[in-house]
C-alpha cells in the first residue's frame, strides 16, 4: 500500500485537483514598460554580464535569473536587484528577453 492509497483511506471524500501542477509549469513574470539594462563589465579580469532595472517583484527577477542560467548553462547570482551572469552573453540574453516581450537596452561596448 503506497502513500496515495493511505491518503485515500484517510480522506475518502477528497477529490484531487490537477491545477497545482499546471501552475508550476509556466510562472507568470511581470512585464514592465521601462527597458532592462544589459551591460558588460570585467571584474578581476573575468567578463560578466549584468542585468538591472527590473521594477517587478524580487521573486520574479530571481525566477528570470534561474531561467537564464539554466538555458545558457552558466553560473551567476542575484544580488542588490541585479542579475550577474558569468561571461559575455549579452546578445543571447537580449534575444531571450526580447522573445519574452521585455524591452532591453544594451549599455557599454
PDB file of N, CA and C in Angstrom:
ATOM      1  N   UNK A   1       0.846  -1.165   0.000  1.00  0.00           N
ATOM      2  CA  UNK A   1       0.000   0.000   0.000  1.00  0.00           C
ATOM      3  C   UNK A   1       0.904   1.244   0.000  1.00  0.00           C
ATOM      4  N   UNK A   2       0.771   2.043  -1.059  1.00  0.00           N
ATOM      5  CA  UNK A   2       1.603   3.237  -1.139  1.00  0.00           C
ATOM      6  C   UNK A   2       0.929   4.431  -0.458  1.00  0.00           C
ATOM      7  N   UNK A   3       1.575   5.548  -0.496  1.00  0.00           N
ATOM      8  CA  UNK A   3       1.112   6.735   0.209  1.00  0.00           C
ATOM      9  C   UNK A   3      -0.223   7.238  -0.334  1.00  0.00           C
ATOM     10  N   UNK A   4      -0.417   7.178  -1.635  1.00  0.00           N
ATOM     11  CA  UNK A   4      -1.680   7.632  -2.221  1.00  0.00           C
ATOM     12  C   UNK A   4      -2.861   6.808  -1.717  1.00  0.00           C
ATOM     13  N   UNK A   5      -2.674   5.510  -1.626  1.00  0.00           N
ATOM     14  CA  UNK A   5      -3.747   4.649  -1.124  1.00  0.00           C
ATOM     15  C   UNK A   5      -4.045   4.940   0.342  1.00  0.00           C
ATOM     16  N   UNK A   6      -3.017   5.180   1.122  1.00  0.00           N
ATOM     17  CA  UNK A   6      -3.218   5.511   2.534  1.00  0.00           C
ATOM     18  C   UNK A   6      -3.981   6.821   2.686  1.00  0.00           C
ATOM     19  N   UNK A   7      -3.651   7.788   1.857  1.00  0.00           N
ATOM     20  CA  UNK A   7      -4.358   9.064   1.916  1.00  0.00           C
ATOM     21  C   UNK A   7      -5.821   8.915   1.500  1.00  0.00           C
ATOM     22  N   UNK A   8      -6.080   8.068   0.508  1.00  0.00           N
ATOM     23  CA  UNK A   8      -7.468   7.829   0.089  1.00  0.00           C
ATOM     24  C   UNK A   8      -8.264   7.168   1.197  1.00  0.00           C
ATOM     25  N   UNK A   9      -7.610   6.281   1.960  1.00  0.00           N
ATOM     26  CA  UNK A   9      -8.297   5.645   3.085  1.00  0.00           C
ATOM     27  C   UNK A   9      -8.595   6.646   4.202  1.00  0.00           C
ATOM     28  N   UNK A  10      -7.671   7.557   4.444  1.00  0.00           N
ATOM     29  CA  UNK A  10      -7.874   8.555   5.494  1.00  0.00           C
ATOM     30  C   UNK A  10      -8.904   9.610   5.103  1.00  0.00           C
ATOM     31  N   UNK A  11      -8.897  10.031   3.835  1.00  0.00           N
ATOM     32  CA  UNK A  11      -9.788  11.076   3.353  1.00  0.00           C
ATOM     33  C   UNK A  11     -10.565  10.583   2.132  1.00  0.00           C
ATOM     34  N   UNK A  12     -11.621   9.776   2.326  1.00  0.00           N
ATOM     35  CA  UNK A  12     -12.332   9.198   1.185  1.00  0.00           C
ATOM     36  C   UNK A  12     -13.112  10.235   0.367  1.00  0.00           C
ATOM     37  N   UNK A  13     -13.499  11.355   0.973  1.00  0.00           N
ATOM     38  CA  UNK A  13     -14.310  12.344   0.263  1.00  0.00           C
ATOM     39  C   UNK A  13     -13.482  13.347  -0.533  1.00  0.00           C
ATOM     40  N   UNK A  14     -12.175  13.334  -0.353  1.00  0.00           N
ATOM     41  CA  UNK A  14     -11.305  14.307  -1.009  1.00  0.00           C
ATOM     42  C   UNK A  14     -11.182  13.999  -2.495  1.00  0.00           C
ATOM     43  N   UNK A  15     -11.320  15.063  -3.314  1.00  0.00           N
ATOM     44  CA  UNK A  15     -11.145  14.939  -4.755  1.00  0.00           C
ATOM     45  C   UNK A  15      -9.859  15.671  -5.124  1.00  0.00           C
ATOM     46  N   UNK A  16      -8.942  14.972  -5.759  1.00  0.00           N
ATOM     47  CA  UNK A  16      -7.656  15.545  -6.113  1.00  0.00           C
ATOM     48  C   UNK A  16      -7.805  16.404  -7.361  1.00  0.00           C
ATOM     49  N   UNK A  17      -7.279  17.623  -7.308  1.00  0.00           N
ATOM     50  CA  UNK A  17      -7.314  18.515  -8.461  1.00  0.00           C
ATOM     51  C   UNK A  17      -5.929  18.592  -9.082  1.00  0.00           C
ATOM     52  N   UNK A  18      -5.876  18.907 -10.360  1.00  0.00           N
ATOM     53  CA  UNK A  18      -4.616  18.961 -11.079  1.00  0.00           C
ATOM     54  C   UNK A  18      -4.180  20.391 -11.355  1.00  0.00           C
ATOM     55  N   UNK A  19      -4.840  21.388 -10.759  1.00  0.00           N
ATOM     56  CA  UNK A  19      -4.500  22.780 -11.030  1.00  0.00           C
ATOM     57  C   UNK A  19      -3.140  23.155 -10.452  1.00  0.00           C
ATOM     58  N   UNK A  20      -2.712  22.523  -9.381  1.00  0.00           N
ATOM     59  CA  UNK A  20      -1.424  22.839  -8.778  1.00  0.00           C
ATOM     60  C   UNK A  20      -0.279  22.485  -9.718  1.00  0.00           C
ATOM     61  N   UNK A  21      -0.402  21.436 -10.480  1.00  0.00           N
ATOM     62  CA  UNK A  21       0.654  21.040 -11.396  1.00  0.00           C
ATOM     63  C   UNK A  21       0.735  21.978 -12.594  1.00  0.00           C
ATOM     64  N   UNK A  22      -0.398  22.448 -13.115  1.00  0.00           N
ATOM     65  CA  UNK A  22      -0.371  23.306 -14.288  1.00  0.00           C
ATOM     66  C   UNK A  22       0.174  24.688 -13.965  1.00  0.00           C
ATOM     67  N   UNK A  23       0.018  25.170 -12.715  1.00  0.00           N
ATOM     68  CA  UNK A  23       0.547  26.476 -12.337  1.00  0.00           C
ATOM     69  C   UNK A  23       2.064  26.470 -12.261  1.00  0.00           C
ATOM     70  N   UNK A  24       2.664  25.354 -11.893  1.00  0.00           N
ATOM     71  CA  UNK A  24       4.111  25.309 -11.718  1.00  0.00           C
ATOM     72  C   UNK A  24       4.870  25.198 -13.041  1.00  0.00           C
ATOM     73  N   UNK A  25       4.190  24.897 -14.137  1.00  0.00           N
ATOM     74  CA  UNK A  25       4.883  24.719 -15.407  1.00  0.00           C
ATOM     75  C   UNK A  25       5.385  26.051 -15.985  1.00  0.00           C
ATOM     76  N   UNK A  26       4.535  27.064 -16.037  1.00  0.00           N
ATOM     77  CA  UNK A  26       4.924  28.339 -16.618  1.00  0.00           C
ATOM     78  C   UNK A  26       4.639  29.460 -15.632  1.00  0.00           C
ATOM     79  N   UNK A  27       5.655  29.904 -14.926  1.00  0.00           N
ATOM     80  CA  UNK A  27       5.431  31.002 -13.999  1.00  0.00           C
ATOM     81  C   UNK A  27       5.211  32.303 -14.765  1.00  0.00           C
ATOM     82  N   UNK A  28       4.281  33.122 -14.284  1.00  0.00           N
ATOM     83  CA  UNK A  28       3.991  34.402 -14.904  1.00  0.00           C
ATOM     84  C   UNK A  28       4.948  35.444 -14.349  1.00  0.00           C
ATOM     85  N   UNK A  29       5.650  36.118 -15.227  1.00  0.00           N
ATOM     86  CA  UNK A  29       6.602  37.150 -14.830  1.00  0.00           C
ATOM     87  C   UNK A  29       6.013  38.495 -15.230  1.00  0.00           C
ATOM     88  N   UNK A  30       6.086  39.463 -14.316  1.00  0.00           N
ATOM     89  CA  UNK A  30       5.526  40.774 -14.563  1.00  0.00           C
ATOM     90  C   UNK A  30       6.336  41.492 -15.622  1.00  0.00           C
ATOM     91  N   UNK A  31       5.642  42.013 -16.640  1.00  0.00           N
ATOM     92  CA  UNK A  31       6.297  42.759 -17.709  1.00  0.00           C
ATOM     93  C   UNK A  31       6.285  44.245 -17.355  1.00  0.00           C
ATOM     94  N   UNK A  32       7.295  44.945 -17.794  1.00  0.00           N
ATOM     95  CA  UNK A  32       7.404  46.365 -17.488  1.00  0.00           C
ATOM     96  C   UNK A  32       7.597  47.158 -18.768  1.00  0.00           C
ATOM     97  N   UNK A  33       7.327  48.453 -18.685  1.00  0.00           N
ATOM     98  CA  UNK A  33       7.493  49.319 -19.849  1.00  0.00           C
ATOM     99  C   UNK A  33       8.927  49.809 -19.995  1.00  0.00           C
ATOM    100  N   UNK A  34       9.598  50.071 -18.875  1.00  0.00           N
ATOM    101  CA  UNK A  34      10.978  50.543 -18.911  1.00  0.00           C
ATOM    102  C   UNK A  34      11.904  49.419 -19.354  1.00  0.00           C
ATOM    103  N   UNK A  35      12.966  49.747 -20.083  1.00  0.00           N
ATOM    104  CA  UNK A  35      13.875  48.683 -20.539  1.00  0.00           C
ATOM    105  C   UNK A  35      14.732  48.129 -19.408  1.00  0.00           C
ATOM    106  N   UNK A  36      15.090  46.871 -19.553  1.00  0.00           N
ATOM    107  CA  UNK A  36      16.054  46.242 -18.659  1.00  0.00           C
ATOM    108  C   UNK A  36      17.441  46.557 -19.224  1.00  0.00           C
ATOM    109  N   UNK A  37      18.328  47.025 -18.371  1.00  0.00           N
ATOM    110  CA  UNK A  37      19.671  47.419 -18.789  1.00  0.00           C
ATOM    111  C   UNK A  37      20.556  46.175 -18.806  1.00  0.00           C
ATOM    112  N   UNK A  38      21.191  45.913 -19.936  1.00  0.00           N
ATOM    113  CA  UNK A  38      22.097  44.769 -20.084  1.00  0.00           C
ATOM    114  C   UNK A  38      23.487  45.324 -20.363  1.00  0.00           C
ATOM    115  N   UNK A  39      24.402  45.173 -19.392  1.00  0.00           N
ATOM    116  CA  UNK A  39      25.732  45.736 -19.583  1.00  0.00           C
ATOM    117  C   UNK A  39      26.824  44.710 -19.321  1.00  0.00           C
ATOM    118  N   UNK A  40      27.989  45.042 -19.822  1.00  0.00           N
ATOM    119  CA  UNK A  40      29.164  44.172 -19.778  1.00  0.00           C
ATOM    120  C   UNK A  40      30.228  44.835 -18.921  1.00  0.00           C
ATOM    121  N   UNK A  41      30.843  44.053 -18.042  1.00  0.00           N
ATOM    122  CA  UNK A  41      31.941  44.549 -17.210  1.00  0.00           C
ATOM    123  C   UNK A  41      32.991  43.459 -17.097  1.00  0.00           C
ATOM    124  N   UNK A  42      34.147  43.861 -16.622  1.00  0.00           N
ATOM    125  CA  UNK A  42      35.183  42.898 -16.263  1.00  0.00           C
ATOM    126  C   UNK A  42      35.487  43.099 -14.796  1.00  0.00           C
ATOM    127  N   UNK A  43      35.434  42.020 -14.042  1.00  0.00           N
ATOM    128  CA  UNK A  43      35.783  42.059 -12.627  1.00  0.00           C
ATOM    129  C   UNK A  43      36.879  41.032 -12.393  1.00  0.00           C
ATOM    130  N   UNK A  44      37.976  41.508 -11.862  1.00  0.00           N
ATOM    131  CA  UNK A  44      39.149  40.671 -11.621  1.00  0.00           C
ATOM    132  C   UNK A  44      39.595  39.960 -12.897  1.00  0.00           C
ATOM    133  N   UNK A  45      39.473  40.646 -14.034  1.00  0.00           N
ATOM    134  CA  UNK A  45      39.905  40.105 -15.307  1.00  0.00           C
ATOM    135  C   UNK A  45      38.918  39.170 -15.966  1.00  0.00           C
ATOM    136  N   UNK A  46      37.793  38.877 -15.317  1.00  0.00           N
ATOM    137  CA  UNK A  46      36.800  37.955 -15.872  1.00  0.00           C
ATOM    138  C   UNK A  46      35.604  38.739 -16.415  1.00  0.00           C
ATOM    139  N   UNK A  47      35.096  38.373 -17.598  1.00  0.00           N
ATOM    140  CA  UNK A  47      33.936  39.081 -18.143  1.00  0.00           C
ATOM    141  C   UNK A  47      32.642  38.651 -17.441  1.00  0.00           C
ATOM    142  N   UNK A  48      31.763  39.624 -17.193  1.00  0.00           N
ATOM    143  CA  UNK A  48      30.448  39.329 -16.630  1.00  0.00           C
ATOM    144  C   UNK A  48      29.402  40.164 -17.349  1.00  0.00           C
ATOM    145  N   UNK A  49      28.173  39.676 -17.343  1.00  0.00           N
ATOM    146  CA  UNK A  49      27.037  40.389 -17.889  1.00  0.00           C
ATOM    147  C   UNK A  49      26.112  40.733 -16.737  1.00  0.00           C
ATOM    148  N   UNK A  50      25.679  41.990 -16.675  1.00  0.00           N
ATOM    149  CA  UNK A  50      24.827  42.447 -15.577  1.00  0.00           C
ATOM    150  C   UNK A  50      23.495  42.911 -16.143  1.00  0.00           C
ATOM    151  N   UNK A  51      22.412  42.419 -15.556  1.00  0.00           N
ATOM    152  CA  UNK A  51      21.062  42.858 -15.905  1.00  0.00           C
ATOM    153  C   UNK A  51      20.494  43.615 -14.719  1.00  0.00           C
ATOM    154  N   UNK A  52      19.989  44.823 -14.962  1.00  0.00           N
ATOM    155  CA  UNK A  52      19.421  45.608 -13.878  1.00  0.00           C
ATOM    156  C   UNK A  52      18.287  46.466 -14.429  1.00  0.00           C
ATOM    157  N   UNK A  53      17.508  47.034 -13.525  1.00  0.00           N
ATOM    158  CA  UNK A  53      16.426  47.918 -13.931  1.00  0.00           C
ATOM    159  C   UNK A  53      15.057  47.269 -13.935  1.00  0.00           C
ATOM    160  N   UNK A  54      14.908  46.093 -13.362  1.00  0.00           N
ATOM    161  CA  UNK A  54      13.607  45.430 -13.294  1.00  0.00           C
ATOM    162  C   UNK A  54      12.840  45.999 -12.116  1.00  0.00           C
ATOM    163  N   UNK A  55      11.594  46.416 -12.338  1.00  0.00           N
ATOM    164  CA  UNK A  55      10.811  47.066 -11.290  1.00  0.00           C
ATOM    165  C   UNK A  55       9.762  46.156 -10.679  1.00  0.00           C
ATOM    166  N   UNK A  56       9.721  44.897 -11.062  1.00  0.00           N
ATOM    167  CA  UNK A  56       8.749  43.963 -10.505  1.00  0.00           C
ATOM    168  C   UNK A  56       9.220  43.369  -9.192  1.00  0.00           C
ATOM    169  N   UNK A  57       8.583  42.277  -8.793  1.00  0.00           N
ATOM    170  CA  UNK A  57       8.923  41.608  -7.539  1.00  0.00           C
ATOM    171  C   UNK A  57      10.263  40.892  -7.651  1.00  0.00           C
ATOM    172  N   UNK A  58      10.942  40.784  -6.513  1.00  0.00           N
ATOM    173  CA  UNK A  58      12.244  40.108  -6.494  1.00  0.00           C
ATOM    174  C   UNK A  58      12.128  38.648  -6.887  1.00  0.00           C
ATOM    175  N   UNK A  59      11.040  37.983  -6.478  1.00  0.00           N
ATOM    176  CA  UNK A  59      10.920  36.556  -6.800  1.00  0.00           C
ATOM    177  C   UNK A  59      10.774  36.344  -8.307  1.00  0.00           C
ATOM    178  N   UNK A  60      10.123  37.297  -9.012  1.00  0.00           N
ATOM    179  CA  UNK A  60      10.033  37.187 -10.470  1.00  0.00           C
ATOM    180  C   UNK A  60      11.404  37.357 -11.117  1.00  0.00           C
ATOM    181  N   UNK A  61      12.181  38.307 -10.599  1.00  0.00           N
ATOM    182  CA  UNK A  61      13.517  38.555 -11.149  1.00  0.00           C
ATOM    183  C   UNK A  61      14.444  37.381 -10.853  1.00  0.00           C
ATOM    184  N   UNK A  62      14.284  36.757  -9.671  1.00  0.00           N
ATOM    185  CA  UNK A  62      15.083  35.578  -9.334  1.00  0.00           C
ATOM    186  C   UNK A  62      14.717  34.410 -10.238  1.00  0.00           C
ATOM    187  N   UNK A  63      13.417  34.254 -10.538  1.00  0.00           N
ATOM    188  CA  UNK A  63      12.986  33.188 -11.448  1.00  0.00           C
ATOM    189  C   UNK A  63      13.556  33.417 -12.844  1.00  0.00           C
ATOM    190  N   UNK A  64      13.594  34.678 -13.272  1.00  0.00           N
ATOM    191  CA  UNK A  64      14.177  35.007 -14.561  1.00  0.00           C
ATOM    192  C   UNK A  64      15.668  34.701 -14.571  1.00  0.00           C
ATOM    193  N   UNK A  65      16.357  35.004 -13.470  1.00  0.00           N
ATOM    194  CA  UNK A  65      17.789  34.706 -13.364  1.00  0.00           C
ATOM    195  C   UNK A  65      18.042  33.211 -13.459  1.00  0.00           C
ATOM    196  N   UNK A  66      17.221  32.443 -12.781  1.00  0.00           N
ATOM    197  CA  UNK A  66      17.388  30.989 -12.807  1.00  0.00           C
ATOM    198  C   UNK A  66      17.157  30.446 -14.210  1.00  0.00           C
ATOM    199  N   UNK A  67      16.154  30.973 -14.897  1.00  0.00           N
ATOM    200  CA  UNK A  67      15.870  30.512 -16.256  1.00  0.00           C
ATOM    201  C   UNK A  67      17.017  30.845 -17.204  1.00  0.00           C
ATOM    202  N   UNK A  68      17.577  32.043 -17.070  1.00  0.00           N
ATOM    203  CA  UNK A  68      18.698  32.435 -17.925  1.00  0.00           C
ATOM    204  C   UNK A  68      19.904  31.540 -17.666  1.00  0.00           C
ATOM    205  N   UNK A  69      20.202  31.291 -16.396  1.00  0.00           N
ATOM    206  CA  UNK A  69      21.368  30.478 -16.056  1.00  0.00           C
ATOM    207  C   UNK A  69      21.214  29.041 -16.543  1.00  0.00           C
ATOM    208  N   UNK A  70      20.023  28.473 -16.420  1.00  0.00           N
ATOM    209  CA  UNK A  70      19.848  27.086 -16.867  1.00  0.00           C
ATOM    210  C   UNK A  70      19.831  26.991 -18.388  1.00  0.00           C
ATOM    211  N   UNK A  71      19.260  27.975 -19.058  1.00  0.00           N
ATOM    212  CA  UNK A  71      19.218  27.949 -20.519  1.00  0.00           C
ATOM    213  C   UNK A  71      20.615  28.071 -21.119  1.00  0.00           C
ATOM    214  N   UNK A  72      21.417  28.969 -20.556  1.00  0.00           N
ATOM    215  CA  UNK A  72      22.762  29.184 -21.084  1.00  0.00           C
ATOM    216  C   UNK A  72      23.802  28.256 -20.461  1.00  0.00           C
ATOM    217  N   UNK A  73      23.440  27.522 -19.430  1.00  0.00           N
ATOM    218  CA  UNK A  73      24.346  26.620 -18.710  1.00  0.00           C
ATOM    219  C   UNK A  73      25.572  27.366 -18.192  1.00  0.00           C
ATOM    220  N   UNK A  74      25.306  28.463 -17.514  1.00  0.00           N
ATOM    221  CA  UNK A  74      26.377  29.269 -16.940  1.00  0.00           C
ATOM    222  C   UNK A  74      26.084  29.536 -15.474  1.00  0.00           C
ATOM    223  N   UNK A  75      27.082  30.022 -14.772  1.00  0.00           N
ATOM    224  CA  UNK A  75      26.910  30.401 -13.382  1.00  0.00           C
ATOM    225  C   UNK A  75      26.516  31.855 -13.282  1.00  0.00           C
ATOM    226  N   UNK A  76      26.047  32.206 -12.114  1.00  0.00           N
ATOM    227  CA  UNK A  76      25.663  33.584 -11.895  1.00  0.00           C
ATOM    228  C   UNK A  76      25.040  33.742 -10.531  1.00  0.00           C
ATOM    229  N   UNK A  77      24.598  34.961 -10.244  1.00  0.00           N
ATOM    230  CA  UNK A  77      23.979  35.222  -8.946  1.00  0.00           C
ATOM    231  C   UNK A  77      22.973  36.347  -9.071  1.00  0.00           C
ATOM    232  N   UNK A  78      22.220  36.537  -7.984  1.00  0.00           N
ATOM    233  CA  UNK A  78      21.253  37.618  -7.895  1.00  0.00           C
ATOM    234  C   UNK A  78      21.590  38.421  -6.649  1.00  0.00           C
ATOM    235  N   UNK A  79      22.087  39.638  -6.835  1.00  0.00           N
ATOM    236  CA  UNK A  79      22.471  40.481  -5.704  1.00  0.00           C
ATOM    237  C   UNK A  79      22.038  41.916  -5.964  1.00  0.00           C
ATOM    238  N   UNK A  80      21.545  42.577  -4.931  1.00  0.00           N
ATOM    239  CA  UNK A  80      21.212  44.003  -4.985  1.00  0.00           C
ATOM    240  C   UNK A  80      20.330  44.342  -6.187  1.00  0.00           C
ATOM    241  N   UNK A  81      19.303  43.544  -6.423  1.00  0.00           N
ATOM    242  CA  UNK A  81      18.375  43.742  -7.547  1.00  0.00           C
ATOM    243  C   UNK A  81      19.079  43.731  -8.899  1.00  0.00           C
ATOM    244  N   UNK A  82      20.132  42.935  -9.010  1.00  0.00           N
ATOM    245  CA  UNK A  82      20.856  42.768 -10.269  1.00  0.00           C
ATOM    246  C   UNK A  82      21.081  41.286 -10.511  1.00  0.00           C
ATOM    247  N   UNK A  83      21.021  40.889 -11.768  1.00  0.00           N
ATOM    248  CA  UNK A  83      21.392  39.534 -12.157  1.00  0.00           C
ATOM    249  C   UNK A  83      22.811  39.621 -12.707  1.00  0.00           C
ATOM    250  N   UNK A  84      23.700  38.824 -12.151  1.00  0.00           N
ATOM    251  CA  UNK A  84      25.091  38.807 -12.588  1.00  0.00           C
ATOM    252  C   UNK A  84      25.369  37.436 -13.205  1.00  0.00           C
ATOM    253  N   UNK A  85      25.686  37.427 -14.490  1.00  0.00           N
ATOM    254  CA  UNK A  85      25.946  36.195 -15.239  1.00  0.00           C
ATOM    255  C   UNK A  85      27.427  36.143 -15.571  1.00  0.00           C
ATOM    256  N   UNK A  86      28.052  35.000 -15.362  1.00  0.00           N
ATOM    257  CA  UNK A  86      29.471  34.836 -15.654  1.00  0.00           C
ATOM    258  C   UNK A  86      29.669  34.680 -17.156  1.00  0.00           C
ATOM    259  N   UNK A  87      30.446  35.568 -17.740  1.00  0.00           N
ATOM    260  CA  UNK A  87      30.732  35.509 -19.172  1.00  0.00           C
ATOM    261  C   UNK A  87      30.005  36.608 -19.923  1.00  0.00           C
ATOM    262  N   UNK A  88      30.394  36.800 -21.172  1.00  0.00           N
ATOM    263  CA  UNK A  88      29.783  37.823 -22.027  1.00  0.00           C
ATOM    264  C   UNK A  88      28.695  37.170 -22.871  1.00  0.00           C
ATOM    265  N   UNK A  89      27.479  37.189 -22.380  1.00  0.00           N
ATOM    266  CA  UNK A  89      26.335  36.582 -23.067  1.00  0.00           C
ATOM    267  C   UNK A  89      25.274  37.630 -23.382  1.00  0.00           C
ATOM    268  N   UNK A  90      25.691  38.875 -23.635  1.00  0.00           N
ATOM    269  CA  UNK A  90      24.724  39.954 -23.851  1.00  0.00           C
ATOM    270  C   UNK A  90      23.786  39.667 -25.004  1.00  0.00           C
ATOM    271  N   UNK A  91      24.318  39.232 -26.140  1.00  0.00           N
ATOM    272  CA  UNK A  91      23.481  39.019 -27.314  1.00  0.00           C
ATOM    273  C   UNK A  91      22.446  37.918 -27.071  1.00  0.00           C
ATOM    274  N   UNK A  92      22.878  36.814 -26.494  1.00  0.00           N
ATOM    275  CA  UNK A  92      21.956  35.696 -26.247  1.00  0.00           C
ATOM    276  C   UNK A  92      20.900  36.077 -25.215  1.00  0.00           C
ATOM    277  N   UNK A  93      21.315  36.784 -24.161  1.00  0.00           N
ATOM    278  CA  UNK A  93      20.369  37.183 -23.121  1.00  0.00           C
ATOM    279  C   UNK A  93      19.376  38.199 -23.663  1.00  0.00           C
ATOM    280  N   UNK A  94      19.855  39.133 -24.466  1.00  0.00           N
ATOM    281  CA  UNK A  94      18.957  40.132 -25.040  1.00  0.00           C
ATOM    282  C   UNK A  94      17.948  39.489 -25.974  1.00  0.00           C
ATOM    283  N   UNK A  95      18.369  38.530 -26.784  1.00  0.00           N
ATOM    284  CA  UNK A  95      17.437  37.812 -27.659  1.00  0.00           C
ATOM    285  C   UNK A  95      16.393  37.049 -26.848  1.00  0.00           C
ATOM    286  N   UNK A  96      16.851  36.406 -25.774  1.00  0.00           N
ATOM    287  CA  UNK A  96      15.952  35.631 -24.929  1.00  0.00           C
ATOM    288  C   UNK A  96      14.901  36.531 -24.270  1.00  0.00           C
ATOM    289  N   UNK A  97      15.332  37.675 -23.758  1.00  0.00           N
ATOM    290  CA  UNK A  97      14.409  38.590 -23.096  1.00  0.00           C
ATOM    291  C   UNK A  97      13.450  39.244 -24.084  1.00  0.00           C
ATOM    292  N   UNK A  98      13.919  39.541 -25.290  1.00  0.00           N
ATOM    293  CA  UNK A  98      13.044  40.134 -26.292  1.00  0.00           C
ATOM    294  C   UNK A  98      11.989  39.147 -26.764  1.00  0.00           C
ATOM    295  N   UNK A  99      12.318  37.853 -26.828  1.00  0.00           N
ATOM    296  CA  UNK A  99      11.324  36.834 -27.161  1.00  0.00           C
ATOM    297  C   UNK A  99      10.237  36.757 -26.100  1.00  0.00           C
ATOM    298  N   UNK A 100      10.607  37.021 -24.844  1.00  0.00           N
ATOM    299  CA  UNK A 100       9.638  37.009 -23.752  1.00  0.00           C
ATOM    300  C   UNK A 100       8.781  38.273 -23.730  1.00  0.00           C
ATOM    301  N   UNK A 101       9.187  39.317 -24.451  1.00  0.00           N
ATOM    302  CA  UNK A 101       8.410  40.542 -24.509  1.00  0.00           C
ATOM    303  C   UNK A 101       8.977  41.706 -23.737  1.00  0.00           C
ATOM    304  N   UNK A 102      10.186  41.570 -23.203  1.00  0.00           N
ATOM    305  CA  UNK A 102      10.827  42.650 -22.457  1.00  0.00           C
ATOM    306  C   UNK A 102      11.494  43.631 -23.412  1.00  0.00           C
ATOM    307  N   UNK A 103      11.562  44.889 -23.008  1.00  0.00           N
ATOM    308  CA  UNK A 103      12.409  45.870 -23.694  1.00  0.00           C
ATOM    309  C   UNK A 103      13.789  45.767 -23.064  1.00  0.00           C
ATOM    310  N   UNK A 104      14.808  45.675 -23.896  1.00  0.00           N
ATOM    311  CA  UNK A 104      16.174  45.517 -23.403  1.00  0.00           C
ATOM    312  C   UNK A 104      17.044  46.603 -24.027  1.00  0.00           C
ATOM    313  N   UNK A 105      17.866  47.231 -23.200  1.00  0.00           N
ATOM    314  CA  UNK A 105      18.782  48.259 -23.679  1.00  0.00           C
ATOM    315  C   UNK A 105      20.207  47.814 -23.424  1.00  0.00           C
ATOM    316  N   UNK A 106      21.028  47.837 -24.474  1.00  0.00           N
ATOM    317  CA  UNK A 106      22.428  47.428 -24.364  1.00  0.00           C
ATOM    318  C   UNK A 106      23.279  48.631 -23.952  1.00  0.00           C
ATOM    319  N   UNK A 107      24.072  48.457 -22.912  1.00  0.00           N
ATOM    320  CA  UNK A 107      24.906  49.547 -22.410  1.00  0.00           C
ATOM    321  C   UNK A 107      26.345  49.057 -22.355  1.00  0.00           C
ATOM    322  N   UNK A 108      27.270  49.855 -22.861  1.00  0.00           N
ATOM    323  CA  UNK A 108      28.695  49.545 -22.771  1.00  0.00           C
ATOM    324  C   UNK A 108      29.179  48.613 -23.841  1.00  0.00           C
ATOM    325  N   UNK A 109      29.939  49.124 -24.754  1.00  0.00           N
ATOM    326  CA  UNK A 109      30.592  48.307 -25.769  1.00  0.00           C
ATOM    327  C   UNK A 109      29.728  47.906 -26.849  1.00  0.00           C
TER     328      UNK A 109
END
